[in-house]
Structure formats: structure tokens, C-alpha cells
Protein backbone atom coordinates (compact mmCIF):
# COMPACT_ATOMS: atom_id res chain seq x y z
CA MET A 1 111.49 53.14 131.21
CA ASN A 2 110.77 52.98 127.47
CA THR A 3 111.12 56.46 125.96
CA ALA A 4 109.69 55.47 122.57
CA VAL A 5 106.32 56.99 121.75
CA ARG A 6 103.61 54.37 121.51
CA PRO A 7 101.95 54.29 118.04
CA THR A 8 98.52 54.68 119.63
CA PHE A 9 99.56 57.81 121.52
CA ARG A 10 101.24 59.27 118.41
CA ALA A 11 98.17 58.64 116.26
CA LEU A 12 95.75 60.12 118.81
CA ASN A 13 98.03 63.10 119.48
CA THR A 14 98.40 63.79 115.75
CA TYR A 15 94.66 63.45 115.18
CA THR A 16 93.92 65.88 118.03
CA LYS A 17 96.36 68.43 116.61
CA LEU A 18 94.88 68.05 113.12
CA MET A 19 91.31 68.53 114.36
CA ARG A 20 92.20 71.49 116.59
CA ALA A 21 94.07 73.21 113.78
CA ALA A 22 91.23 72.59 111.31
CA GLU A 23 88.58 73.84 113.76
CA SER A 24 90.65 76.88 114.66
CA VAL A 25 91.31 77.91 111.06
CA THR A 26 87.72 77.15 110.04
CA GLY A 27 86.42 79.27 112.89
CA ARG A 28 88.47 82.26 111.84
CA VAL A 29 87.72 81.90 108.12
CA SER A 30 84.01 81.21 108.57
CA ARG A 31 83.52 84.63 110.19
CA PHE A 32 83.45 86.07 106.69
CA MET A 33 80.70 83.64 105.71
CA ALA A 34 78.73 84.43 108.86
CA ALA A 35 79.07 88.17 108.15
CA ALA A 36 77.15 87.49 104.92
CA ASN A 37 74.59 85.37 106.85
CA LEU A 38 75.83 82.16 105.22
CA THR A 39 76.53 78.85 106.89
CA ILE A 40 79.62 76.90 105.87
CA SER A 41 77.39 74.50 103.89
CA GLN A 42 75.60 77.34 102.12
CA PHE A 43 78.93 78.91 101.23
CA GLY A 44 80.12 75.52 99.95
CA VAL A 45 77.11 75.18 97.64
CA LEU A 46 77.46 78.71 96.29
CA GLU A 47 81.22 78.28 95.83
CA ALA A 48 80.75 74.98 93.96
CA LEU A 49 78.20 76.54 91.61
CA HIS A 50 80.38 79.63 91.19
CA HIS A 51 83.41 77.61 90.10
CA LYS A 52 81.78 74.59 88.40
CA GLY A 53 78.60 76.06 86.95
CA PRO A 54 75.14 74.47 87.30
CA LEU A 55 75.21 71.08 89.06
CA CYS A 56 72.70 68.47 90.17
CA GLN A 57 72.04 68.22 93.91
CA ARG A 58 73.81 64.85 94.16
CA ASP A 59 76.99 66.26 92.61
CA ILE A 60 76.88 69.28 94.91
CA GLY A 61 76.54 66.98 97.92
CA ALA A 62 79.50 64.89 96.80
CA LYS A 63 81.57 68.02 96.17
CA ILE A 64 81.03 69.47 99.65
CA LEU A 65 80.78 66.10 101.46
CA LYS A 66 77.15 66.38 102.56
CA SER A 67 74.31 63.88 102.39
CA THR A 68 71.54 64.34 99.83
CA GLY A 69 69.04 65.08 102.62
CA ASN A 70 71.25 67.78 104.08
CA ILE A 71 71.97 69.27 100.66
CA THR A 72 68.24 69.49 99.91
CA LEU A 73 67.70 71.57 103.07
CA VAL A 74 70.69 73.81 102.33
CA ILE A 75 69.50 74.40 98.76
CA ASP A 76 65.93 75.02 99.98
CA ASN A 77 67.24 77.80 102.21
CA LEU A 78 69.43 79.29 99.48
CA GLU A 79 66.44 79.21 97.12
CA LYS A 80 64.24 81.02 99.69
CA HIS A 81 66.80 83.83 99.79
CA GLY A 82 66.92 84.03 95.99
CA PHE A 83 70.56 82.89 95.69
CA VAL A 84 69.89 79.75 93.64
CA ARG A 85 67.15 78.31 91.47
CA ARG A 86 66.33 74.70 90.66
CA GLU A 87 65.55 73.62 87.13
CA ARG A 88 63.80 70.30 86.57
CA ASN A 89 65.23 68.05 83.87
CA THR A 90 62.67 67.59 81.09
CA ASP A 91 63.78 64.00 80.40
CA ASP A 92 63.82 62.83 84.03
CA ARG A 93 61.56 64.87 86.28
CA ARG A 94 63.28 63.49 89.41
CA TYR A 95 66.49 65.25 88.38
CA PHE A 96 67.11 68.92 89.27
CA THR A 97 69.95 71.15 88.20
CA VAL A 98 70.83 73.96 90.59
CA HIS A 99 71.85 77.34 89.13
CA LEU A 100 73.16 80.51 90.74
CA THR A 101 70.88 83.50 90.37
CA GLN A 102 72.33 86.93 89.64
CA THR A 103 71.95 87.79 93.34
CA GLY A 104 73.70 84.57 94.34
CA ALA A 105 76.52 85.15 91.85
CA GLU A 106 77.10 88.66 93.19
CA LEU A 107 77.07 87.44 96.78
CA ILE A 108 79.49 84.56 96.27
CA SER A 109 81.86 86.73 94.24
CA ARG A 110 82.08 89.22 97.09
CA VAL A 111 82.20 86.70 99.94
CA PHE A 112 84.60 84.35 98.15
CA ALA A 113 87.14 87.14 97.76
CA ASP A 114 87.06 87.75 101.53
CA VAL A 115 87.26 84.03 102.36
CA GLU A 116 90.07 83.51 99.87
CA ALA A 117 92.07 86.37 101.44
CA ALA A 118 91.46 84.95 104.92
CA ILE A 119 92.63 81.49 103.85
CA VAL A 120 95.77 82.94 102.24
CA ALA A 121 96.48 84.86 105.46
CA GLU A 122 95.97 81.73 107.59
CA MET A 123 98.24 79.65 105.38
CA SER A 124 100.92 82.36 105.30
CA LEU A 125 102.04 81.12 108.71
CA LEU A 126 103.51 78.17 106.81
CA SER A 127 106.25 78.33 104.22
CA GLU A 128 105.38 77.43 100.63
CA LYS A 129 107.17 74.12 101.13
CA ASP A 130 105.21 73.40 104.33
CA GLN A 131 101.94 74.28 102.59
CA GLU A 132 102.77 71.81 99.81
CA LEU A 133 103.70 69.12 102.33
CA LEU A 134 100.56 69.71 104.39
CA GLY A 135 98.45 69.53 101.24
CA GLU A 136 100.07 66.23 100.23
CA LEU A 137 99.63 64.75 103.71
CA CYS A 138 95.97 65.82 103.91
CA LYS A 139 95.32 64.38 100.46
CA LYS A 140 96.94 61.11 101.52
CA LEU A 141 94.78 60.93 104.66
CA GLY A 142 91.62 61.92 102.80
CA ALA A 143 92.14 59.40 100.01
CA ARG A 144 92.51 56.39 102.32
CA ARG A 145 89.84 53.79 101.67
CA GLU A 146 88.54 51.32 104.20
């Protein structure tokens, strides 16, 4: 009997482990977002604006890997709660820039600190070297083009 692991089995097994780990960590970290009544997408938008400043909807979508239609709905909901505001470009009225409001800035500052601490705690299970290696491997997988 051949004891070598088939490439197909290895790839599927590795993928399953990657997805389970990501879902598990995300589930634990996202509790802090949920405690603030934010979805992961809403948190992503607020975090992007917090760290990058005002952005157009298309750039926000690209940053958090969401479609323009989905981003519009997420921003609509954030706007209803007073966390963001849209500003129409005077040169091109189709173009909106999204800004954090004071309320949104206060919320993301508080929630981000909790999420950041949770992520650090999750990653502390790995050595610094393993964290670097995992980061490099994830970047390599994420950068692959078809």
C-alpha cells in the first residue's frame, strides 16, 4: 500500500483546516463586534474609515472585499445609525465620499481596542515566528491570480 499522501487529499485537508481555523477565530473575535451591535462588514467599514480617513464606497468595498451593492447596504445601515455620513462630490455627482461621524469615531475607537486585544490573544497561541510564517503563507495564498 502506498503511504504517500495524495496531493488532492493534502490540499483538501489543508483547506479544511484553514477554513475551520479562520471561522473559529472569527467567531470568537466577532463577539466584540456583536456586543456593539455591529456586523463584521459594518465593523470593516468603520475600521477602514478610522485608519484610512474618508473613502469612496468603491474603495471601501475593495478594502473589505465586498461588492459595491453590498457595501451600499452596509453604509446605508451605518448612516441610519449616525455612524457615517456620505458627501457627494461636487464635480461628479455620482461619486460619494464616506466620512465617520463623531459618534462613529467614538464607537470604532472603543470597539477596535477590544477587537485588537482579542486578535492579539488569539494569535498568542502561536510563536512570533509562527505568526510571521502564517502571515507570509496567507499572503501567498491570497495573492494568487487565476
